[in-house]
Amino acid sequence: METLVHFSVITGLVSNMKKSSLFLAGMNKQVNNQLVEITGFTQGSFSIRYLGLLLTSKR
């Protein structure tokens, strides 16, 4: 989180915690849970829509 805070201070941009999700792949559930706890973001899952377009984890 220190890096994200530093980025916010430098750029003036701030993450909207209510609109942001954390997408994780290739890690075990314990690490996923730790990252969700540390960041405070909710964990997202595919498939989702972004700007009306369907995003998936498959080609």
C-alpha atoms as a PDB file:
ATOM      1  CA  MET A   1       0.000   0.000   0.000  1.00  0.00           C
ATOM      2  CA  GLU A   2       2.951   2.318   0.553  1.00  0.00           C
ATOM      3  CA  THR A   3       3.607   2.380  -3.193  1.00  0.00           C
ATOM      4  CA  LEU A   4      -0.019   3.194  -3.966  1.00  0.00           C
ATOM      5  CA  VAL A   5      -0.019   6.011  -1.392  1.00  0.00           C
ATOM      6  CA  HIS A   6       3.253   7.345  -2.819  1.00  0.00           C
ATOM      7  CA  PHE A   7       1.765   7.273  -6.342  1.00  0.00           C
ATOM      8  CA  SER A   8      -1.281   9.188  -5.078  1.00  0.00           C
ATOM      9  CA  VAL A   9       0.884  11.864  -3.424  1.00  0.00           C
ATOM     10  CA  ILE A  10       3.011  12.343  -6.556  1.00  0.00           C
ATOM     11  CA  THR A  11       0.199  12.333  -9.145  1.00  0.00           C
ATOM     12  CA  GLY A  12      -2.776  13.589  -7.174  1.00  0.00           C
ATOM     13  CA  LEU A  13      -4.752  10.526  -8.354  1.00  0.00           C
ATOM     14  CA  VAL A  14      -6.623   8.495  -5.758  1.00  0.00           C
ATOM     15  CA  SER A  15      -8.187   5.040  -6.112  1.00  0.00           C
ATOM     16  CA  ASN A  16     -11.930   4.869  -5.570  1.00  0.00           C
ATOM     17  CA  MET A  17     -12.188   1.915  -3.185  1.00  0.00           C
ATOM     18  CA  LYS A  18     -15.908   1.457  -3.900  1.00  0.00           C
ATOM     19  CA  LYS A  19     -15.340   1.140  -7.666  1.00  0.00           C
ATOM     20  CA  SER A  20     -12.058  -0.799  -7.618  1.00  0.00           C
ATOM     21  CA  SER A  21     -11.422  -4.542  -7.448  1.00  0.00           C
ATOM     22  CA  LEU A  22      -8.324  -6.670  -7.196  1.00  0.00           C
ATOM     23  CA  PHE A  23      -7.942  -9.393  -9.847  1.00  0.00           C
ATOM     24  CA  LEU A  24      -5.503 -12.145  -8.861  1.00  0.00           C
ATOM     25  CA  ALA A  25      -4.294 -15.229 -10.720  1.00  0.00           C
ATOM     26  CA  GLY A  26      -1.682 -17.911 -10.223  1.00  0.00           C
ATOM     27  CA  MET A  27      -1.405 -17.555  -6.452  1.00  0.00           C
ATOM     28  CA  ASN A  28      -2.718 -19.701  -3.632  1.00  0.00           C
ATOM     29  CA  LYS A  29      -5.814 -18.641  -1.701  1.00  0.00           C
ATOM     30  CA  GLN A  30      -3.844 -17.672   1.407  1.00  0.00           C
ATOM     31  CA  VAL A  31      -1.783 -15.113  -0.549  1.00  0.00           C
ATOM     32  CA  ASN A  32      -4.939 -13.869  -2.304  1.00  0.00           C
ATOM     33  CA  ASN A  33      -6.664 -13.342   1.054  1.00  0.00           C
ATOM     34  CA  GLN A  34      -3.630 -11.526   2.468  1.00  0.00           C
ATOM     35  CA  LEU A  35      -3.515  -9.148  -0.507  1.00  0.00           C
ATOM     36  CA  VAL A  36      -7.233  -8.402  -0.211  1.00  0.00           C
ATOM     37  CA  GLU A  37      -6.800  -7.659   3.510  1.00  0.00           C
ATOM     38  CA  ILE A  38      -3.735  -5.450   2.979  1.00  0.00           C
ATOM     39  CA  THR A  39      -5.187  -3.403   0.128  1.00  0.00           C
ATOM     40  CA  GLY A  40      -8.799  -3.171   1.276  1.00  0.00           C
ATOM     41  CA  PHE A  41      -9.990  -3.806  -2.297  1.00  0.00           C
ATOM     42  CA  THR A  42     -12.655  -6.404  -3.006  1.00  0.00           C
ATOM     43  CA  GLN A  43     -11.557  -9.420  -5.017  1.00  0.00           C
ATOM     44  CA  GLY A  44     -13.003  -9.379  -8.514  1.00  0.00           C
ATOM     45  CA  SER A  45     -13.707 -12.351 -10.739  1.00  0.00           C
ATOM     46  CA  PHE A  46     -13.921 -12.779 -14.489  1.00  0.00           C
ATOM     47  CA  SER A  47     -15.955 -12.277 -16.578  1.00  0.00           C
ATOM     48  CA  ILE A  48     -16.782  -8.621 -16.143  1.00  0.00           C
ATOM     49  CA  ARG A  49     -17.883  -5.747 -18.320  1.00  0.00           C
ATOM     50  CA  TYR A  50     -15.729  -2.638 -18.724  1.00  0.00           C
ATOM     51  CA  LEU A  51     -17.124   0.253 -20.744  1.00  0.00           C
ATOM     52  CA  GLY A  52     -19.729  -2.155 -22.097  1.00  0.00           C
ATOM     53  CA  LEU A  53     -17.142  -4.681 -23.331  1.00  0.00           C
ATOM     54  CA  LEU A  54     -16.928  -8.193 -21.927  1.00  0.00           C
ATOM     55  CA  LEU A  55     -13.537  -8.973 -20.388  1.00  0.00           C
ATOM     56  CA  THR A  56     -12.582 -12.616 -19.890  1.00  0.00           C
ATOM     57  CA  SER A  57      -9.525 -14.512 -18.777  1.00  0.00           C
ATOM     58  CA  LYS A  58      -9.596 -16.680 -21.923  1.00  0.00           C
ATOM     59  CA  ARG A  59      -8.688 -15.897 -25.498  1.00  0.00           C
END
